[in-house]
Amino acid sequence: MGYEKALGEVIRDLRLQAGLTHDACAEVITRSHLRQVEKGLSVLKIDMLMALCSLLGVTPSQLLLVVEARLANHSVEEHLTESIKRLHSLIDAGRFDRVAPEDAARGIRGRKADETRDETRRLQAEGFKKPEIARRLGVTVRTIDRYWTK
């Protein structure tokens, strides 16, 4: 089963459990679009997903957790336990730490350039020559020239 189909089934089940008809959801989503979503034939934009979740009395994260549990053939409780463990691991690893706006603007290439610059200067201070530093860092001598302290 694909993600869209599982999402549609969970939305349908939540709607039915809440005692809502397709017409009752019309303030958020058209009946025809809701039917297509529930069949897994159409997707929702985030703002519509949020509005639909609000109508159904759940948060988007709760809805998606149940979808993931179904896709993994786990009970919701079992999947929640595993998800909490993974979330803690990601938090401990700093994966959800904020990135400073200036670092975000520079991106991965900027971070790599900073690391190359710092390592070039460290190895230069240790007495290594440009070709050796380039080999160690896997870059060209021309790149090392860019960061070489005069």
C-alpha atoms as a PDB file:
ATOM      1  CA  MET A   1       0.000   0.000   0.000  1.00  0.00           C
ATOM      2  CA  GLY A   2       1.303   3.460  -0.855  1.00  0.00           C
ATOM      3  CA  TYR A   3       1.477   6.449   1.446  1.00  0.00           C
ATOM      4  CA  GLU A   4      -1.389   8.283  -0.294  1.00  0.00           C
ATOM      5  CA  LYS A   5      -3.701   5.287   0.007  1.00  0.00           C
ATOM      6  CA  ALA A   6      -2.852   4.757   3.696  1.00  0.00           C
ATOM      7  CA  LEU A   7      -3.339   8.478   4.365  1.00  0.00           C
ATOM      8  CA  GLY A   8      -6.703   8.374   2.643  1.00  0.00           C
ATOM      9  CA  GLU A   9      -7.815   5.352   4.658  1.00  0.00           C
ATOM     10  CA  VAL A  10      -6.818   6.962   7.958  1.00  0.00           C
ATOM     11  CA  ILE A  11      -8.633  10.176   7.018  1.00  0.00           C
ATOM     12  CA  ARG A  12     -11.721   8.164   6.045  1.00  0.00           C
ATOM     13  CA  ASP A  13     -11.602   6.187   9.298  1.00  0.00           C
ATOM     14  CA  LEU A  14     -11.216   9.356  11.374  1.00  0.00           C
ATOM     15  CA  ARG A  15     -14.097  11.012   9.521  1.00  0.00           C
ATOM     16  CA  LEU A  16     -16.351   8.011  10.054  1.00  0.00           C
ATOM     17  CA  GLN A  17     -15.343   7.638  13.722  1.00  0.00           C
ATOM     18  CA  ALA A  18     -16.206  11.325  14.209  1.00  0.00           C
ATOM     19  CA  GLY A  19     -19.602  10.731  12.592  1.00  0.00           C
ATOM     20  CA  LEU A  20     -18.948  13.202   9.781  1.00  0.00           C
ATOM     21  CA  THR A  21     -20.314  12.895   6.264  1.00  0.00           C
ATOM     22  CA  HIS A  22     -18.518  14.135   3.174  1.00  0.00           C
ATOM     23  CA  ASP A  23     -20.933  17.083   3.222  1.00  0.00           C
ATOM     24  CA  ALA A  24     -19.974  17.914   6.810  1.00  0.00           C
ATOM     25  CA  CYS A  25     -16.372  18.386   5.640  1.00  0.00           C
ATOM     26  CA  ALA A  26     -17.378  20.704   2.777  1.00  0.00           C
ATOM     27  CA  GLU A  27     -16.286  23.828   4.663  1.00  0.00           C
ATOM     28  CA  VAL A  28     -12.698  22.530   4.411  1.00  0.00           C
ATOM     29  CA  ILE A  29     -12.599  20.352   1.302  1.00  0.00           C
ATOM     30  CA  THR A  30     -14.988  19.618  -1.544  1.00  0.00           C
ATOM     31  CA  ARG A  31     -16.830  16.309  -1.410  1.00  0.00           C
ATOM     32  CA  SER A  32     -15.285  15.108  -4.659  1.00  0.00           C
ATOM     33  CA  HIS A  33     -11.749  16.010  -3.561  1.00  0.00           C
ATOM     34  CA  LEU A  34     -12.261  14.332  -0.177  1.00  0.00           C
ATOM     35  CA  ARG A  35     -13.482  11.172  -1.902  1.00  0.00           C
ATOM     36  CA  GLN A  36     -10.406  11.190  -4.139  1.00  0.00           C
ATOM     37  CA  VAL A  37      -8.124  11.682  -1.106  1.00  0.00           C
ATOM     38  CA  GLU A  38      -9.818   8.876   0.802  1.00  0.00           C
ATOM     39  CA  LYS A  39      -9.272   6.546  -2.152  1.00  0.00           C
ATOM     40  CA  GLY A  40      -5.598   7.524  -2.315  1.00  0.00           C
ATOM     41  CA  LEU A  41      -6.048   9.086  -5.751  1.00  0.00           C
ATOM     42  CA  SER A  42      -5.340  12.684  -4.748  1.00  0.00           C
ATOM     43  CA  VAL A  43      -3.088  14.434  -2.281  1.00  0.00           C
ATOM     44  CA  LEU A  44      -3.635  17.345   0.089  1.00  0.00           C
ATOM     45  CA  LYS A  45      -1.714  20.558   0.377  1.00  0.00           C
ATOM     46  CA  ILE A  46      -0.435  21.267   3.863  1.00  0.00           C
ATOM     47  CA  ASP A  47      -2.937  24.036   4.626  1.00  0.00           C
ATOM     48  CA  MET A  48      -5.850  21.784   3.646  1.00  0.00           C
ATOM     49  CA  LEU A  49      -4.381  18.877   5.644  1.00  0.00           C
ATOM     50  CA  MET A  50      -4.147  21.126   8.700  1.00  0.00           C
ATOM     51  CA  ALA A  51      -7.729  22.358   8.290  1.00  0.00           C
ATOM     52  CA  LEU A  52      -9.035  18.820   7.792  1.00  0.00           C
ATOM     53  CA  CYS A  53      -7.131  17.578  10.851  1.00  0.00           C
ATOM     54  CA  SER A  54      -8.611  20.410  12.897  1.00  0.00           C
ATOM     55  CA  LEU A  55     -12.092  19.413  11.750  1.00  0.00           C
ATOM     56  CA  LEU A  56     -11.363  15.764  12.616  1.00  0.00           C
ATOM     57  CA  GLY A  57      -9.966  16.680  16.048  1.00  0.00           C
ATOM     58  CA  VAL A  58      -6.396  15.466  15.512  1.00  0.00           C
ATOM     59  CA  THR A  59      -3.055  17.068  14.759  1.00  0.00           C
ATOM     60  CA  PRO A  60      -1.255  16.427  11.475  1.00  0.00           C
ATOM     61  CA  SER A  61       1.545  14.682  13.376  1.00  0.00           C
ATOM     62  CA  GLN A  62      -0.934  12.319  15.033  1.00  0.00           C
ATOM     63  CA  LEU A  63      -2.551  11.548  11.691  1.00  0.00           C
ATOM     64  CA  LEU A  64       0.790  10.885  10.003  1.00  0.00           C
ATOM     65  CA  LEU A  65       1.965   8.702  12.886  1.00  0.00           C
ATOM     66  CA  VAL A  66      -1.071   6.456  12.399  1.00  0.00           C
ATOM     67  CA  VAL A  67      -0.432   6.371   8.628  1.00  0.00           C
ATOM     68  CA  GLU A  68       3.179   5.314   9.226  1.00  0.00           C
ATOM     69  CA  ALA A  69       2.054   2.641  11.717  1.00  0.00           C
ATOM     70  CA  ARG A  70      -0.318   1.165   9.143  1.00  0.00           C
ATOM     71  CA  LEU A  71       2.345   1.187   6.462  1.00  0.00           C
ATOM     72  CA  ALA A  72       4.734  -0.625   8.812  1.00  0.00           C
ATOM     73  CA  ASN A  73       2.014  -3.084   9.890  1.00  0.00           C
ATOM     74  CA  HIS A  74       2.521  -2.044  13.511  1.00  0.00           C
ATOM     75  CA  SER A  75       0.025  -1.144  16.164  1.00  0.00           C
ATOM     76  CA  VAL A  76      -0.169   2.578  16.804  1.00  0.00           C
ATOM     77  CA  GLU A  77       1.230   2.061  20.309  1.00  0.00           C
ATOM     78  CA  GLU A  78       4.165   0.018  19.028  1.00  0.00           C
ATOM     79  CA  HIS A  79       4.917   2.564  16.313  1.00  0.00           C
ATOM     80  CA  LEU A  80       4.649   5.452  18.768  1.00  0.00           C
ATOM     81  CA  THR A  81       7.189   3.814  21.072  1.00  0.00           C
ATOM     82  CA  GLU A  82       9.639   3.293  18.203  1.00  0.00           C
ATOM     83  CA  SER A  83       9.048   6.809  16.879  1.00  0.00           C
ATOM     84  CA  ILE A  84       9.794   8.334  20.272  1.00  0.00           C
ATOM     85  CA  LYS A  85      13.071   6.394  20.452  1.00  0.00           C
ATOM     86  CA  ARG A  86      14.072   7.576  16.957  1.00  0.00           C
ATOM     87  CA  LEU A  87      13.052  11.133  17.759  1.00  0.00           C
ATOM     88  CA  HIS A  88      15.175  11.140  20.918  1.00  0.00           C
ATOM     89  CA  SER A  89      18.142   9.834  18.920  1.00  0.00           C
ATOM     90  CA  LEU A  90      17.730  12.585  16.348  1.00  0.00           C
ATOM     91  CA  ILE A  91      17.412  15.230  19.055  1.00  0.00           C
ATOM     92  CA  ASP A  92      20.510  13.903  20.826  1.00  0.00           C
ATOM     93  CA  ALA A  93      22.407  14.012  17.526  1.00  0.00           C
ATOM     94  CA  GLY A  94      21.411  17.654  17.056  1.00  0.00           C
ATOM     95  CA  ARG A  95      19.446  17.005  13.865  1.00  0.00           C
ATOM     96  CA  PHE A  96      16.654  19.385  14.919  1.00  0.00           C
ATOM     97  CA  ASP A  97      18.894  22.163  16.197  1.00  0.00           C
ATOM     98  CA  ARG A  98      18.253  25.523  14.612  1.00  0.00           C
ATOM     99  CA  VAL A  99      20.665  26.596  11.902  1.00  0.00           C
ATOM    100  CA  ALA A 100      21.710  30.233  12.057  1.00  0.00           C
ATOM    101  CA  PRO A 101      20.295  32.228   9.124  1.00  0.00           C
ATOM    102  CA  GLU A 102      23.762  33.101   7.830  1.00  0.00           C
ATOM    103  CA  ASP A 103      24.775  29.419   7.900  1.00  0.00           C
ATOM    104  CA  ALA A 104      21.559  28.419   6.151  1.00  0.00           C
ATOM    105  CA  ALA A 105      22.220  31.008   3.461  1.00  0.00           C
ATOM    106  CA  ARG A 106      25.707  29.587   2.863  1.00  0.00           C
ATOM    107  CA  GLY A 107      24.417  26.021   2.759  1.00  0.00           C
ATOM    108  CA  ILE A 108      26.400  22.799   2.677  1.00  0.00           C
ATOM    109  CA  ARG A 109      28.943  24.106   0.172  1.00  0.00           C
ATOM    110  CA  GLY A 110      29.719  27.028   2.459  1.00  0.00           C
ATOM    111  CA  ARG A 111      30.185  24.728   5.434  1.00  0.00           C
ATOM    112  CA  LYS A 112      32.464  22.462   3.382  1.00  0.00           C
ATOM    113  CA  ALA A 113      34.481  25.506   2.292  1.00  0.00           C
ATOM    114  CA  ASP A 114      34.872  26.594   5.928  1.00  0.00           C
ATOM    115  CA  GLU A 115      36.066  23.118   6.903  1.00  0.00           C
ATOM    116  CA  THR A 116      38.529  23.014   3.994  1.00  0.00           C
ATOM    117  CA  ARG A 117      39.848  26.484   4.887  1.00  0.00           C
ATOM    118  CA  ASP A 118      40.285  25.593   8.565  1.00  0.00           C
ATOM    119  CA  GLU A 119      41.951  22.254   7.813  1.00  0.00           C
ATOM    120  CA  THR A 120      44.227  23.876   5.209  1.00  0.00           C
ATOM    121  CA  ARG A 121      45.404  26.448   7.727  1.00  0.00           C
ATOM    122  CA  ARG A 122      45.910  23.811  10.426  1.00  0.00           C
ATOM    123  CA  LEU A 123      47.977  21.584   8.127  1.00  0.00           C
ATOM    124  CA  GLN A 124      49.910  24.602   6.837  1.00  0.00           C
ATOM    125  CA  ALA A 125      50.789  25.519  10.430  1.00  0.00           C
ATOM    126  CA  GLU A 126      52.057  21.942  10.903  1.00  0.00           C
ATOM    127  CA  GLY A 127      54.422  22.463   7.986  1.00  0.00           C
ATOM    128  CA  PHE A 128      52.730  20.512   5.210  1.00  0.00           C
ATOM    129  CA  LYS A 129      53.162  21.702   1.628  1.00  0.00           C
ATOM    130  CA  LYS A 130      50.275  22.562  -0.690  1.00  0.00           C
ATOM    131  CA  PRO A 131      50.325  19.336  -2.780  1.00  0.00           C
ATOM    132  CA  GLU A 132      50.301  17.141   0.344  1.00  0.00           C
ATOM    133  CA  ILE A 133      47.411  19.109   1.878  1.00  0.00           C
ATOM    134  CA  ALA A 134      45.472  18.869  -1.396  1.00  0.00           C
ATOM    135  CA  ARG A 135      45.945  15.072  -1.456  1.00  0.00           C
ATOM    136  CA  ARG A 136      44.913  14.717   2.193  1.00  0.00           C
ATOM    137  CA  LEU A 137      41.773  16.812   1.731  1.00  0.00           C
ATOM    138  CA  GLY A 138      40.864  15.447  -1.685  1.00  0.00           C
ATOM    139  CA  VAL A 139      40.863  18.845  -3.367  1.00  0.00           C
ATOM    140  CA  THR A 140      42.999  20.583  -5.963  1.00  0.00           C
ATOM    141  CA  VAL A 141      46.104  22.630  -5.229  1.00  0.00           C
ATOM    142  CA  ARG A 142      44.205  25.589  -6.647  1.00  0.00           C
ATOM    143  CA  THR A 143      41.614  25.191  -3.875  1.00  0.00           C
ATOM    144  CA  ILE A 144      44.421  25.108  -1.309  1.00  0.00           C
ATOM    145  CA  ASP A 145      45.832  28.317  -2.833  1.00  0.00           C
ATOM    146  CA  ARG A 146      42.527  30.005  -2.059  1.00  0.00           C
ATOM    147  CA  TYR A 147      42.900  29.316   1.676  1.00  0.00           C
ATOM    148  CA  TRP A 148      46.688  29.511   2.013  1.00  0.00           C
ATOM    149  CA  THR A 149      47.778  32.043   4.623  1.00  0.00           C
ATOM    150  CA  LYS A 150      50.453  34.355   3.248  1.00  0.00           C
END
